[in-house]
Protein backbone atom coordinates (compact mmCIF):
# COMPACT_ATOMS: atom_id res chain seq x y z
CA UNK A 1 0.00 0.00 0.00
CA UNK A 2 1.22 3.50 -0.81
CA UNK A 3 1.28 6.08 1.96
CA UNK A 4 -2.19 7.62 2.29
CA UNK A 5 -3.62 10.46 4.37
CA UNK A 6 -7.17 11.62 4.92
CA UNK A 7 -7.25 15.09 3.37
CA UNK A 8 -9.69 17.44 5.10
CA UNK A 9 -9.76 19.51 1.91
CA UNK A 10 -11.09 16.71 -0.30
CA UNK A 11 -12.82 14.67 2.47
CA UNK A 12 -11.15 11.43 1.38
CA UNK A 13 -7.99 9.40 1.73
CA UNK A 14 -5.41 10.20 -0.89
CA UNK A 15 -2.03 8.80 -1.83
CA UNK A 16 0.63 11.16 -0.58
CA UNK A 17 2.90 12.72 -3.19
CA UNK A 18 5.20 15.54 -2.20
CA UNK A 19 5.71 18.54 -4.44
CA UNK A 20 9.47 17.98 -4.51
CA UNK A 21 10.65 14.39 -4.66
CA UNK A 22 11.98 13.14 -1.33
CA UNK A 23 11.20 16.33 0.58
CA UNK A 24 8.12 17.15 2.67
CA UNK A 25 7.37 20.73 3.64
CA UNK A 26 4.98 20.79 6.58
CA UNK A 27 3.42 23.51 8.71
CA UNK A 28 1.93 22.80 12.13
CA UNK A 29 -0.06 25.28 14.17
CA UNK A 30 1.84 25.81 17.40
CA UNK A 31 1.04 27.25 20.81
CA UNK A 32 -0.33 30.62 21.81
CA UNK A 33 2.06 31.38 24.65
CA UNK A 34 -0.27 32.93 27.22
CA UNK A 35 -0.28 29.92 29.59
CA UNK A 36 1.07 26.40 29.99
CA UNK A 37 -0.07 24.02 27.24
CA UNK A 38 -2.73 21.49 28.29
CA UNK A 39 -3.00 17.81 27.43
CA UNK A 40 -5.44 18.55 24.60
CA UNK A 41 -2.73 20.63 22.92
CA UNK A 42 -0.25 17.81 23.37
CA UNK A 43 -2.62 15.30 21.80
CA UNK A 44 -2.25 17.33 18.59
CA UNK A 45 1.49 17.85 18.99
CA UNK A 46 2.00 14.10 19.53
CA UNK A 47 0.01 13.33 16.37
CA UNK A 48 2.17 15.80 14.43
CA UNK A 49 5.28 14.19 15.93
CA UNK A 50 4.10 10.76 14.75
CA UNK A 51 3.46 12.18 11.29
CA UNK A 52 6.90 13.79 11.14
CA UNK A 53 8.68 10.68 12.41
CA UNK A 54 6.88 8.34 10.02
CA UNK A 55 7.61 10.53 7.02
CA UNK A 56 11.28 10.36 7.99
CA UNK A 57 10.99 6.58 8.43
CA UNK A 58 9.66 6.44 4.86
CA UNK A 59 12.80 8.19 3.66
CA UNK A 60 11.60 11.77 3.31
CA UNK A 61 13.55 14.80 4.39
CA UNK A 62 11.06 16.77 6.50
CA UNK A 63 11.14 20.55 6.76
CA UNK A 64 8.69 21.42 9.51
CA UNK A 65 7.60 24.84 10.70
CA UNK A 66 5.67 25.32 13.93
CA UNK A 67 4.64 28.87 14.70
CA UNK A 68 4.65 30.53 18.10
CA UNK A 69 1.74 32.96 18.52
CA UNK A 70 3.13 35.54 20.91
CA UNK A 71 0.77 38.41 20.20
CA UNK A 72 -3.03 38.21 20.44
CA UNK A 73 -5.77 39.29 22.82
CA UNK A 74 -4.84 36.70 25.45
CA UNK A 75 -1.13 37.43 25.54
CA UNK A 76 -1.77 41.17 25.67
CA UNK A 77 -4.28 40.80 28.50
CA UNK A 78 -1.88 38.61 30.46
CA UNK A 79 0.99 41.06 30.10
CA UNK A 80 -1.15 44.01 31.13
CA UNK A 81 -2.60 42.08 34.07
CA UNK A 82 0.87 41.39 35.42
CA UNK A 83 2.29 44.79 34.52
CA UNK A 84 5.11 43.41 32.37
CA UNK A 85 6.06 43.76 28.72
CA UNK A 86 4.54 41.41 26.15
CA UNK A 87 7.97 39.90 25.49
CA UNK A 88 8.65 39.25 29.16
CA UNK A 89 5.22 37.70 29.67
CA UNK A 90 5.40 35.34 26.70
CA UNK A 91 9.05 34.36 27.27
CA UNK A 92 8.21 32.19 30.29
CA UNK A 93 5.57 30.24 28.35
CA UNK A 94 7.81 29.84 25.31
CA UNK A 95 10.42 28.33 27.61
CA UNK A 96 7.81 26.07 29.25
CA UNK A 97 6.55 24.90 25.85
CA UNK A 98 9.99 23.74 24.74
CA UNK A 99 10.60 22.08 28.09
CA UNK A 100 7.30 20.23 27.76
CA UNK A 101 7.83 18.96 24.22
CA UNK A 102 11.28 17.73 25.22
CA UNK A 103 9.73 15.99 28.24
CA UNK A 104 7.34 14.11 25.95
CA UNK A 105 10.04 13.21 23.45
CA UNK A 106 8.54 15.33 20.67
CA UNK A 107 11.13 15.96 17.98
CA UNK A 108 12.03 19.58 17.39
CA UNK A 109 10.82 21.18 14.17
CA UNK A 110 13.31 22.89 11.87
CA UNK A 111 11.76 26.33 12.49
CA UNK A 112 9.81 27.94 15.33
CA UNK A 113 9.02 31.43 14.04
CA UNK A 114 7.42 33.90 16.46
CA UNK A 115 4.68 36.18 15.21
CA UNK A 116 6.25 39.31 16.71
CA UNK A 117 9.42 38.69 14.67
CA UNK A 118 7.60 38.51 11.31
CA UNK A 119 5.52 41.69 11.16
CA UNK A 120 7.18 42.91 7.90
CA UNK A 121 6.23 39.65 6.13
CA UNK A 122 2.64 40.00 7.32
CA UNK A 123 2.43 43.61 6.17
CA UNK A 124 3.78 42.63 2.73
CA UNK A 125 0.92 40.18 2.23
CA UNK A 126 -1.65 42.67 3.53
CA UNK A 127 -0.30 45.30 1.16
CA UNK A 128 -0.68 42.91 -1.77
CA UNK A 129 -4.26 42.04 -0.76
CA UNK A 130 -5.20 45.71 -0.50
CA UNK A 131 -3.66 46.43 -3.90
CA UNK A 132 -5.71 43.60 -5.42
CA UNK A 133 -8.89 45.00 -3.92
CA UNK A 134 -9.65 41.93 -1.81
CA UNK A 135 -8.86 43.73 1.43
CA UNK A 136 -9.99 47.15 2.58
CA UNK A 137 -9.49 49.72 5.31
CA UNK A 138 -12.50 50.09 7.57
CA UNK A 139 -13.68 53.19 9.39
CA UNK A 140 -11.92 52.10 12.58
CA UNK A 141 -8.57 51.98 10.77
CA UNK A 142 -8.35 48.17 10.68
CA UNK A 143 -7.69 46.23 7.49
CA UNK A 144 -10.18 43.46 6.69
CA UNK A 145 -10.20 40.66 4.15
CA UNK A 146 -13.27 40.70 1.92
CA UNK A 147 -14.49 37.11 2.15
CA UNK A 148 -16.98 37.54 -0.70
CA UNK A 149 -14.01 38.15 -3.03
CA UNK A 150 -12.85 34.54 -2.67
CA UNK A 151 -15.27 32.23 -4.52
CA UNK A 152 -13.85 29.06 -2.97
CA UNK A 153 -14.34 30.22 0.60
CA UNK A 154 -15.64 27.30 2.66
CA UNK A 155 -13.96 24.55 0.63
CA UNK A 156 -12.10 23.26 3.71
CA UNK A 157 -14.82 23.52 6.35
CA UNK A 158 -17.88 23.14 4.13
CA UNK A 159 -19.42 26.31 5.58
CA UNK A 160 -21.28 28.69 3.33
CA UNK A 161 -20.89 32.43 3.60
CA UNK A 162 -24.45 32.91 4.78
CA UNK A 163 -23.78 30.64 7.77
CA UNK A 164 -20.69 32.51 8.97
CA UNK A 165 -20.18 34.44 12.16
CA UNK A 166 -17.19 36.56 13.17
CA UNK A 167 -14.28 34.90 14.92
CA UNK A 168 -13.88 35.63 18.63
CA UNK A 169 -10.10 35.37 18.34
CA UNK A 170 -9.74 38.91 16.98
CA UNK A 171 -12.10 41.64 18.13
CA UNK A 172 -14.66 42.38 15.42
CA UNK A 173 -16.50 45.67 14.97
CA UNK A 174 -19.67 44.78 13.12
CA UNK A 175 -20.26 48.42 12.24
CA UNK A 176 -16.78 48.99 10.80
CA UNK A 177 -16.66 45.96 8.53
CA UNK A 178 -18.46 45.69 5.20
CA UNK A 179 -19.75 42.21 6.04
CA UNK A 180 -20.03 40.39 9.35
CA UNK A 181 -17.92 37.47 8.10
CA UNK A 182 -14.95 39.56 6.91
CA UNK A 183 -11.91 39.06 9.14
CA UNK A 184 -9.14 41.31 10.38
CA UNK A 185 -5.73 41.27 8.73
CA UNK A 186 -4.45 44.31 10.64
CA UNK A 187 -6.14 45.49 13.83
CA UNK A 188 -5.94 49.19 14.49
CA UNK A 189 -4.50 50.05 17.90
CA UNK A 190 -6.89 50.84 20.74
CA UNK A 191 -6.36 51.48 24.43
CA UNK A 192 -6.83 47.80 25.34
CA UNK A 193 -3.62 47.03 23.44
CA UNK A 194 -1.54 49.22 25.73
CA UNK A 195 2.03 49.45 24.47
CA UNK A 196 1.64 46.58 21.99
CA UNK A 197 1.63 48.04 18.49
CA UNK A 198 3.68 48.41 15.31
CA UNK A 199 3.81 51.31 12.88
CA UNK A 200 2.73 50.62 9.29
CA UNK A 201 1.42 52.40 6.22
CA UNK A 202 -2.03 51.33 7.44
CA UNK A 203 -1.55 53.04 10.79
CA UNK A 204 -0.47 51.92 14.22
CA UNK A 205 -1.73 48.43 15.05
CA UNK A 206 -1.02 44.71 15.25
CA UNK A 207 -1.64 41.69 13.03
CA UNK A 208 -4.75 39.56 13.04
CA UNK A 209 -4.32 35.93 14.05
CA UNK A 210 -4.82 34.37 10.61
CA UNK A 211 -2.29 36.45 8.68
CA UNK A 212 0.45 35.36 11.07
CA UNK A 213 0.37 31.75 9.88
CA UNK A 214 0.17 32.61 6.18
CA UNK A 215 3.19 34.88 6.43
CA UNK A 216 5.34 32.51 8.47
CA UNK A 217 4.47 29.36 6.55
CA UNK A 218 5.15 30.92 3.16
CA UNK A 219 8.41 32.51 4.30
CA UNK A 220 9.94 29.19 5.30
CA UNK A 221 8.10 26.71 3.05
CA UNK A 222 7.20 28.67 -0.08
CA UNK A 223 3.90 29.87 -1.51
CA UNK A 224 2.71 26.27 -1.99
CA UNK A 225 3.69 23.39 0.27
CA UNK A 226 2.77 19.81 1.09
CA UNK A 227 1.07 19.43 4.49
CA UNK A 228 -0.69 21.70 6.97
CA UNK A 229 -1.84 20.27 10.29
CA UNK A 230 -3.68 21.30 13.44
CA UNK A 231 -6.61 20.40 15.63
CA UNK A 232 -10.14 20.19 14.23
CA UNK A 233 -10.95 23.44 16.03
CA UNK A 234 -8.50 25.18 13.65
CA UNK A 235 -10.42 24.19 10.50
CA UNK A 236 -12.81 27.09 10.84
CA UNK A 237 -12.20 29.94 10.82
CA UNK A 238 -8.41 29.84 11.10
CA UNK A 239 -7.38 27.47 8.34
CA UNK A 240 -10.25 28.53 6.10
CA UNK A 241 -9.04 32.11 6.38
CA UNK A 242 -5.44 31.11 5.79
CA UNK A 243 -6.42 29.55 2.47
CA UNK A 244 -8.46 32.57 1.38
CA UNK A 245 -5.83 35.20 2.12
CA UNK A 246 -2.86 33.11 0.91
CA UNK A 247 -4.36 32.04 -2.41
CA UNK A 248 -5.75 35.54 -3.00
CA UNK A 249 -2.26 36.95 -2.49
CA UNK A 250 -0.31 34.44 -4.61
CA UNK A 251 -2.83 33.06 -7.11
CA UNK A 252 -1.49 29.59 -6.28
CA UNK A 253 -2.82 26.60 -4.37
CA UNK A 254 -1.71 27.09 -0.77
CA UNK A 255 -1.51 23.54 0.65
CA UNK A 256 -2.03 20.10 -0.90
CA UNK A 257 -2.87 18.02 2.20
CA UNK A 258 -4.70 19.20 5.32
CA UNK A 259 -4.57 16.85 8.33
CA UNK A 260 -6.53 17.53 11.53
CA UNK A 261 -6.61 15.72 14.86
CA UNK A 262 -9.85 15.21 16.78
CA UNK A 263 -10.59 16.58 20.24
CA UNK A 264 -9.33 15.19 23.51
CA UNK A 265 -11.92 14.74 26.26
CA UNK A 266 -11.35 13.80 29.90
CA UNK A 267 -13.39 10.99 31.47
CA UNK A 268 -15.99 11.38 28.74
CA UNK A 269 -16.40 15.14 29.20
CA UNK A 270 -15.06 18.20 27.49
CA UNK A 271 -11.98 19.44 29.32
CA UNK A 272 -12.88 22.54 31.30
CA UNK A 273 -11.56 24.39 34.33
CA UNK A 274 -15.13 24.73 35.59
CA UNK A 275 -15.49 20.92 35.59
CA UNK A 276 -12.21 20.46 37.42
CA UNK A 277 -10.83 18.22 34.65
CA UNK A 278 -8.45 20.68 33.01
CA UNK A 279 -4.86 19.41 33.11
CA UNK A 280 -1.53 20.66 31.87
CA UNK A 281 1.26 18.20 31.19
CA UNK A 282 2.90 19.38 34.39
CA UNK A 283 -0.23 18.63 36.40
CA UNK A 284 -0.23 15.00 35.25
CA UNK A 285 3.48 14.54 35.93
CA UNK A 286 3.09 16.01 39.43
CA UNK A 287 0.50 13.29 40.08
CA UNK A 288 3.26 10.72 39.64
CA UNK A 289 2.71 9.62 36.04
CA UNK A 290 5.73 9.39 33.77
CA UNK A 291 6.15 11.25 30.47
CA UNK A 292 6.36 7.88 28.71
CA UNK A 293 2.98 6.80 30.10
CA UNK A 294 1.44 10.08 28.94
CA UNK A 295 3.04 9.85 25.49
CA UNK A 296 1.84 6.27 25.07
CA UNK A 297 -1.75 7.18 25.91
CA UNK A 298 -1.74 10.24 23.64
CA UNK A 299 -0.25 8.39 20.67
CA UNK A 300 -2.25 5.15 20.90
CA UNK A 301 -5.58 6.40 19.49
CA UNK A 302 -5.98 7.27 15.81
CA UNK A 303 -5.56 11.00 15.37
CA UNK A 304 -8.98 11.44 13.73
CA UNK A 305 -10.77 9.71 16.60
CA UNK A 306 -11.74 11.54 19.76
CA UNK A 307 -9.34 10.54 22.55
CA UNK A 308 -10.85 9.92 25.98
CA UNK A 309 -8.10 10.72 28.49
CA UNK A 310 -8.59 8.80 31.74
CA UNK A 311 -6.38 7.84 34.64
CA UNK A 312 -7.34 4.22 34.06
CA UNK A 313 -5.98 4.74 30.57
CA UNK A 314 -2.69 5.94 32.03
CA UNK A 315 -2.53 2.82 34.20
CA UNK A 316 -3.18 0.66 31.14
CA UNK A 317 -0.38 2.53 29.36
CA UNK A 318 1.90 1.67 32.26
CA UNK A 319 1.01 -2.01 31.98
CA UNK A 320 1.68 -2.02 28.23
CA UNK A 321 5.00 -0.26 28.65
CA UNK A 322 6.01 -2.63 31.43
CA UNK A 323 5.27 -5.59 29.18
CA UNK A 324 7.41 -4.02 26.48
CA UNK A 325 10.20 -3.31 28.96
CA UNK A 326 10.12 -6.88 30.25
CA UNK A 327 10.51 -8.25 26.72
CA UNK A 328 13.38 -5.91 25.81
CA UNK A 329 15.17 -6.67 29.06
CA UNK A 330 14.75 -10.39 28.42
CA UNK A 331 16.30 -10.00 24.96
CA UNK A 332 19.28 -8.22 26.44
CA UNK A 333 19.92 -10.87 29.10
CA UNK A 334 18.68 -14.23 27.80
CA UNK A 335 20.21 -14.38 24.31
CA UNK A 336 22.96 -16.95 23.87
CA UNK A 337 25.65 -17.98 21.41
CA UNK A 338 24.74 -21.57 22.23
CA UNK A 339 21.28 -21.22 20.64
CA UNK A 340 20.96 -21.49 16.85
CA UNK A 341 19.16 -18.89 14.75
CA UNK A 342 15.46 -19.70 14.50
CA UNK A 343 13.62 -19.33 11.16
CA UNK A 344 10.35 -18.80 13.07
CA UNK A 345 11.82 -15.68 14.65
CA UNK A 346 12.97 -14.44 11.23
CA UNK A 347 9.41 -14.90 9.91
CA UNK A 348 7.94 -13.01 12.88
CA UNK A 349 10.36 -10.12 12.32
CA UNK A 350 9.39 -9.92 8.64
CA UNK A 351 5.66 -9.97 9.47
CA UNK A 352 6.05 -7.36 12.26
CA UNK A 353 7.68 -4.90 9.87
CA UNK A 354 5.08 -5.58 7.18
CA UNK A 355 2.13 -5.08 9.57
CA UNK A 356 3.65 -1.96 11.12
CA UNK A 357 4.16 -0.25 7.79
CA UNK A 358 0.87 -1.43 6.30
CA UNK A 359 -1.10 0.13 9.15
CA UNK A 360 0.81 3.40 9.33
CA UNK A 361 0.70 3.77 5.56
CA UNK A 362 -3.09 3.77 6.01
CA UNK A 363 -3.49 7.31 7.37
CA UNK A 364 -1.28 6.62 10.41
CA UNK A 365 -3.56 3.85 11.69
CA UNK A 366 -1.69 3.60 14.96
CA UNK A 367 -3.87 1.28 17.08
CA UNK A 368 -3.47 -1.84 14.90
CA UNK A 369 0.18 -0.92 14.30
CA UNK A 370 0.87 -1.07 18.04
CA UNK A 371 -1.46 -4.03 18.44
CA UNK A 372 0.51 -6.04 15.88
CA UNK A 373 3.70 -5.40 17.85
CA UNK A 374 2.23 -6.78 21.06
CA UNK A 375 0.72 -9.76 19.25
CA UNK A 376 4.18 -10.58 17.93
CA UNK A 377 5.63 -10.19 21.43
CA UNK A 378 3.37 -13.00 22.61
CA UNK A 379 4.71 -15.37 19.95
CA UNK A 380 8.32 -14.32 20.53
CA UNK A 381 7.98 -14.75 24.28
CA UNK A 382 6.78 -18.34 23.84
CA UNK A 383 9.72 -19.18 21.58
CA UNK A 384 12.29 -17.52 23.84
CA UNK A 385 10.95 -19.10 27.02
CA UNK A 386 10.80 -22.58 25.53
CA UNK A 387 13.68 -22.67 23.02
CA UNK A 388 15.85 -19.67 23.85
CA UNK A 389 17.10 -17.09 21.37
CA UNK A 390 20.41 -16.70 19.59
CA UNK A 391 22.42 -13.51 19.88
CA UNK A 392 21.95 -12.90 16.16
CA UNK A 393 18.16 -13.22 16.40
CA UNK A 394 18.11 -11.02 19.51
CA UNK A 395 20.08 -8.33 17.67
CA UNK A 396 17.66 -8.52 14.73
CA UNK A 397 14.66 -8.08 17.02
CA UNK A 398 16.39 -5.26 18.90
CA UNK A 399 17.21 -3.55 15.60
CA UNK A 400 13.59 -3.73 14.49
CA UNK A 401 12.36 -2.28 17.77
CA UNK A 402 14.92 0.51 17.45
CA UNK A 403 13.48 1.36 14.01
CA UNK A 404 9.93 1.26 15.35
CA UNK A 405 10.93 3.54 18.18
CA UNK A 406 12.24 6.15 15.74
CA UNK A 407 8.55 6.46 14.82
CA UNK A 408 6.77 5.81 18.13
CA UNK A 409 9.16 7.06 20.80
CA UNK A 410 7.64 4.69 23.39
CA UNK A 411 10.23 1.94 23.88
CA UNK A 412 11.34 2.07 27.53
CA UNK A 413 14.98 2.17 28.56
CA UNK A 414 15.40 -0.83 30.85
CA UNK A 415 19.04 -0.63 31.90
CA UNK A 416 19.77 1.04 35.23
CA UNK A 417 23.34 1.65 36.36
CA UNK A 418 22.97 1.74 40.12
CA UNK A 419 25.63 0.19 42.36
CA UNK A 420 23.34 0.13 45.40
CA UNK A 421 20.63 -1.77 43.51
CA UNK A 422 23.20 -4.18 42.11
CA UNK A 423 24.48 -4.80 45.63
CA UNK A 424 20.96 -5.56 46.91
CA UNK A 425 20.41 -8.02 44.04
CA UNK A 426 23.73 -9.68 44.91
CA UNK A 427 22.75 -9.97 48.60
CA UNK A 428 19.43 -11.53 47.56
CA UNK A 429 21.27 -14.08 45.42
CA UNK A 430 23.49 -14.95 48.37
CA UNK A 431 20.45 -15.34 50.66
CA UNK A 432 18.78 -17.67 48.12
CA UNK A 433 21.91 -19.79 47.78
CA UNK A 434 22.01 -20.08 51.57
CA UNK A 435 18.29 -20.98 51.53
CA UNK A 436 17.54 -17.92 53.64
CA UNK A 437 14.31 -17.34 51.75
CA UNK A 438 12.85 -14.94 54.32
CA UNK A 439 15.83 -12.60 53.84
CA UNK A 440 15.64 -13.01 50.05
CA UNK A 441 11.93 -12.09 50.09
CA UNK A 442 12.65 -9.10 52.31
CA UNK A 443 15.24 -7.82 49.84
CA UNK A 444 12.87 -8.43 46.90
CA UNK A 445 10.20 -6.34 48.68
CA UNK A 446 12.74 -3.57 49.22
CA UNK A 447 13.68 -3.66 45.55
CA UNK A 448 10.01 -3.49 44.55
CA UNK A 449 9.56 -0.51 46.85
CA UNK A 450 12.35 1.19 44.92
CA UNK A 451 10.66 0.32 41.62
CA UNK A 452 12.96 -2.56 40.70
CA UNK A 453 11.66 -5.85 39.30
CA UNK A 454 13.86 -8.92 39.67
CA UNK A 455 13.47 -12.18 37.78
CA UNK A 456 15.22 -15.46 38.45
CA UNK A 457 16.28 -17.19 35.22
CA UNK A 458 18.43 -20.20 34.34
CA UNK A 459 21.19 -17.70 33.49
CA UNK A 460 20.94 -15.95 36.85
CA UNK A 461 19.03 -13.02 38.29
CA UNK A 462 18.14 -10.13 35.99
CA UNK A 463 16.62 -6.86 37.11
CA UNK A 464 15.14 -3.74 35.63
CA UNK A 465 13.33 -0.57 36.56
CA UNK A 466 9.53 -0.79 36.63
CA UNK A 467 7.85 1.53 34.13
Foldseek 3Di string as FASTA:
>chain_A
DAFWAQFLLVRGIDHADWPDPQEAEEEEEAEAQLDFDFLQRVLQLLVVLLVVLVSVLVRHHYAYEYEYEQDFLRLLVSCVVVVHDSCVNRVVSVVNVVVVCVQLVRDDHPYYYYLVVQVVLLVVLLVLCVVVVQWDQWPVLFIWGNVVVFVCQCSNPVDDPVVDADDPRHDDDCVGDPHRHIYTQWDEDDVSNPPDWDQDPSGTTGGDPQSSRLRVSCVRANLEGEEYEEAPVCSPPRVSVSQRSSCSNPVDGRYDGYYHFYGEDEPPHRDDVVVVRIGHPVRVVVVPQGSLLSLCQSLQAQRNDYRYDYVVSSVVSLVVLQLLLVLLLCLVPFAAQVADADVVLVVLLVVLVVQLCVCCSHNHNRNSNVVSVVVSSVVVVVCCVPRNHHNVSSVSVVVSVVSVCSSRVNHDDWDDDDPVLVVLLVVLVVCVVVVVVVSNVVSCVVCVVVQKHWDQDPVGIDITGRD
